[in-house]
Amino acid sequence: MILNPVRLYNRWLRMRGEALEEAQMLRRRHGDEALEAARAKLTRADLSSWGRRVMQETVKTLEKA
């Protein structure tokens, strides 16, 4: 398998954008408890691998803020 760095970068950008959108939605919906809500969402068993990566990035984003 040949790794294409452009595709990897584009996928990373898409994941980062979705994580920022999720963080904004959680802040609007939960306010100060957004980080706890993101961690609770991360523990759900029905998340796909993509969703898990997005939620992990969302938690990192919310921890920085």
N, C-alpha and C. Protein backbone atom coordinates (compact mmCIF):
# COMPACT_ATOMS: atom_id res chain seq x y z
N MET A 1 0.84 -1.17 0.00
CA MET A 1 0.00 0.00 0.00
C MET A 1 0.89 1.24 0.00
N ILE A 2 0.55 2.16 -0.85
CA ILE A 2 1.30 3.41 -0.95
C ILE A 2 0.53 4.50 -0.22
N LEU A 3 1.20 5.15 0.71
CA LEU A 3 0.58 6.24 1.46
C LEU A 3 0.72 7.54 0.69
N ASN A 4 -0.38 8.21 0.51
CA ASN A 4 -0.39 9.49 -0.18
C ASN A 4 -0.44 10.59 0.87
N PRO A 5 0.63 11.37 1.02
CA PRO A 5 0.64 12.41 2.05
C PRO A 5 -0.43 13.48 1.86
N VAL A 6 -0.83 13.76 0.63
CA VAL A 6 -1.86 14.76 0.39
C VAL A 6 -3.20 14.27 0.93
N ARG A 7 -3.51 12.99 0.68
CA ARG A 7 -4.77 12.44 1.20
C ARG A 7 -4.76 12.40 2.72
N LEU A 8 -3.63 12.05 3.31
CA LEU A 8 -3.53 12.03 4.77
C LEU A 8 -3.74 13.43 5.35
N TYR A 9 -3.14 14.43 4.71
CA TYR A 9 -3.29 15.80 5.18
C TYR A 9 -4.73 16.27 5.04
N ASN A 10 -5.37 15.96 3.90
CA ASN A 10 -6.76 16.35 3.70
C ASN A 10 -7.68 15.68 4.72
N ARG A 11 -7.41 14.42 5.03
CA ARG A 11 -8.21 13.72 6.02
C ARG A 11 -8.02 14.34 7.40
N TRP A 12 -6.79 14.72 7.72
CA TRP A 12 -6.51 15.38 9.00
C TRP A 12 -7.24 16.71 9.09
N LEU A 13 -7.23 17.49 7.98
CA LEU A 13 -7.94 18.77 7.96
C LEU A 13 -9.44 18.57 8.16
N ARG A 14 -10.00 17.56 7.50
CA ARG A 14 -11.43 17.29 7.64
C ARG A 14 -11.77 16.88 9.06
N MET A 15 -10.93 16.04 9.67
CA MET A 15 -11.15 15.61 11.05
C MET A 15 -11.06 16.79 12.00
N ARG A 16 -10.09 17.65 11.79
CA ARG A 16 -9.91 18.83 12.63
C ARG A 16 -11.11 19.77 12.53
N GLY A 17 -11.61 19.97 11.31
CA GLY A 17 -12.78 20.81 11.11
C GLY A 17 -14.02 20.26 11.78
N GLU A 18 -14.22 18.95 11.67
CA GLU A 18 -15.37 18.33 12.32
C GLU A 18 -15.25 18.41 13.84
N ALA A 19 -14.04 18.29 14.35
CA ALA A 19 -13.83 18.39 15.79
C ALA A 19 -14.13 19.80 16.29
N LEU A 20 -13.74 20.81 15.53
CA LEU A 20 -14.05 22.19 15.92
C LEU A 20 -15.54 22.46 15.90
N GLU A 21 -16.24 21.92 14.89
CA GLU A 21 -17.69 22.08 14.82
C GLU A 21 -18.36 21.39 16.01
N GLU A 22 -17.89 20.19 16.34
CA GLU A 22 -18.45 19.46 17.47
C GLU A 22 -18.21 20.20 18.78
N ALA A 23 -17.02 20.77 18.93
CA ALA A 23 -16.71 21.53 20.14
C ALA A 23 -17.62 22.75 20.26
N GLN A 24 -17.86 23.45 19.16
CA GLN A 24 -18.74 24.62 19.19
C GLN A 24 -20.17 24.22 19.54
N MET A 25 -20.63 23.09 18.97
CA MET A 25 -21.98 22.62 19.25
C MET A 25 -22.12 22.24 20.72
N LEU A 26 -21.10 21.56 21.27
CA LEU A 26 -21.15 21.16 22.68
C LEU A 26 -21.11 22.38 23.60
N ARG A 27 -20.34 23.41 23.22
CA ARG A 27 -20.30 24.63 24.03
C ARG A 27 -21.65 25.34 24.04
N ARG A 28 -22.31 25.38 22.87
CA ARG A 28 -23.64 26.01 22.81
C ARG A 28 -24.66 25.23 23.62
N ARG A 29 -24.60 23.91 23.52
CA ARG A 29 -25.60 23.08 24.16
C ARG A 29 -25.37 22.91 25.66
N HIS A 30 -24.09 22.75 26.08
CA HIS A 30 -23.79 22.42 27.47
C HIS A 30 -23.08 23.52 28.24
N GLY A 31 -22.62 24.53 27.56
CA GLY A 31 -21.94 25.63 28.25
C GLY A 31 -20.65 25.19 28.92
N ASP A 32 -20.55 25.42 30.23
CA ASP A 32 -19.32 25.10 30.95
C ASP A 32 -19.08 23.60 31.09
N GLU A 33 -20.13 22.80 30.95
CA GLU A 33 -19.99 21.36 31.07
C GLU A 33 -19.69 20.68 29.73
N ALA A 34 -19.24 21.42 28.74
CA ALA A 34 -18.99 20.87 27.40
C ALA A 34 -17.90 19.81 27.43
N LEU A 35 -16.87 20.01 28.22
CA LEU A 35 -15.78 19.04 28.27
C LEU A 35 -16.27 17.72 28.86
N GLU A 36 -17.07 17.78 29.92
CA GLU A 36 -17.61 16.56 30.51
C GLU A 36 -18.54 15.85 29.53
N ALA A 37 -19.33 16.62 28.78
CA ALA A 37 -20.23 16.03 27.79
C ALA A 37 -19.44 15.36 26.67
N ALA A 38 -18.33 15.96 26.26
CA ALA A 38 -17.50 15.36 25.21
C ALA A 38 -16.86 14.08 25.71
N ARG A 39 -16.41 14.07 26.95
CA ARG A 39 -15.82 12.84 27.50
C ARG A 39 -16.88 11.74 27.63
N ALA A 40 -18.09 12.11 28.00
CA ALA A 40 -19.16 11.13 28.09
C ALA A 40 -19.50 10.57 26.71
N LYS A 41 -19.50 11.44 25.72
CA LYS A 41 -19.77 11.00 24.36
C LYS A 41 -18.67 10.08 23.85
N LEU A 42 -17.45 10.31 24.28
CA LEU A 42 -16.31 9.51 23.85
C LEU A 42 -16.41 8.09 24.40
N THR A 43 -17.06 7.89 25.53
CA THR A 43 -17.15 6.55 26.12
C THR A 43 -18.27 5.71 25.51
N ARG A 44 -19.06 6.29 24.63
CA ARG A 44 -20.16 5.53 24.03
C ARG A 44 -19.62 4.38 23.19
N ALA A 45 -20.30 3.26 23.23
CA ALA A 45 -19.85 2.06 22.50
C ALA A 45 -20.23 2.09 21.03
N ASP A 46 -21.19 2.93 20.64
CA ASP A 46 -21.66 2.92 19.26
C ASP A 46 -20.90 3.89 18.35
N LEU A 47 -19.79 4.44 18.81
CA LEU A 47 -19.00 5.35 17.96
C LEU A 47 -18.18 4.56 16.95
N SER A 48 -18.11 5.07 15.74
CA SER A 48 -17.23 4.47 14.74
C SER A 48 -15.79 4.90 15.03
N SER A 49 -14.86 4.33 14.33
CA SER A 49 -13.45 4.71 14.54
C SER A 49 -13.24 6.17 14.16
N TRP A 50 -13.92 6.63 13.10
CA TRP A 50 -13.81 8.03 12.70
C TRP A 50 -14.42 8.93 13.77
N GLY A 51 -15.58 8.57 14.26
CA GLY A 51 -16.22 9.35 15.30
C GLY A 51 -15.41 9.41 16.58
N ARG A 52 -14.75 8.31 16.89
CA ARG A 52 -13.89 8.28 18.08
C ARG A 52 -12.71 9.23 17.92
N ARG A 53 -12.11 9.25 16.73
CA ARG A 53 -10.99 10.17 16.49
C ARG A 53 -11.45 11.62 16.56
N VAL A 54 -12.62 11.90 16.01
CA VAL A 54 -13.16 13.26 16.05
C VAL A 54 -13.42 13.67 17.49
N MET A 55 -14.01 12.78 18.28
CA MET A 55 -14.30 13.11 19.67
C MET A 55 -13.01 13.27 20.48
N GLN A 56 -11.99 12.48 20.21
CA GLN A 56 -10.71 12.65 20.90
C GLN A 56 -10.12 14.02 20.59
N GLU A 57 -10.20 14.43 19.35
CA GLU A 57 -9.70 15.76 18.97
C GLU A 57 -10.58 16.85 19.58
N THR A 58 -11.87 16.60 19.70
CA THR A 58 -12.78 17.55 20.33
C THR A 58 -12.42 17.74 21.80
N VAL A 59 -12.13 16.65 22.49
CA VAL A 59 -11.74 16.73 23.90
C VAL A 59 -10.46 17.53 24.04
N LYS A 60 -9.49 17.30 23.15
CA LYS A 60 -8.24 18.07 23.20
C LYS A 60 -8.51 19.56 22.98
N THR A 61 -9.39 19.86 22.04
CA THR A 61 -9.73 21.26 21.76
C THR A 61 -10.39 21.92 22.95
N LEU A 62 -11.31 21.22 23.59
CA LEU A 62 -12.01 21.78 24.74
C LEU A 62 -11.09 21.91 25.95
N GLU A 63 -10.12 21.01 26.08
CA GLU A 63 -9.17 21.11 27.21
C GLU A 63 -8.28 22.33 27.06
N LYS A 64 -7.92 22.69 25.83
CA LYS A 64 -7.08 23.86 25.59
C LYS A 64 -7.81 25.15 25.90
N ALA A 65 -9.12 25.15 25.67
CA ALA A 65 -9.91 26.38 25.85
C ALA A 65 -10.21 26.68 27.30
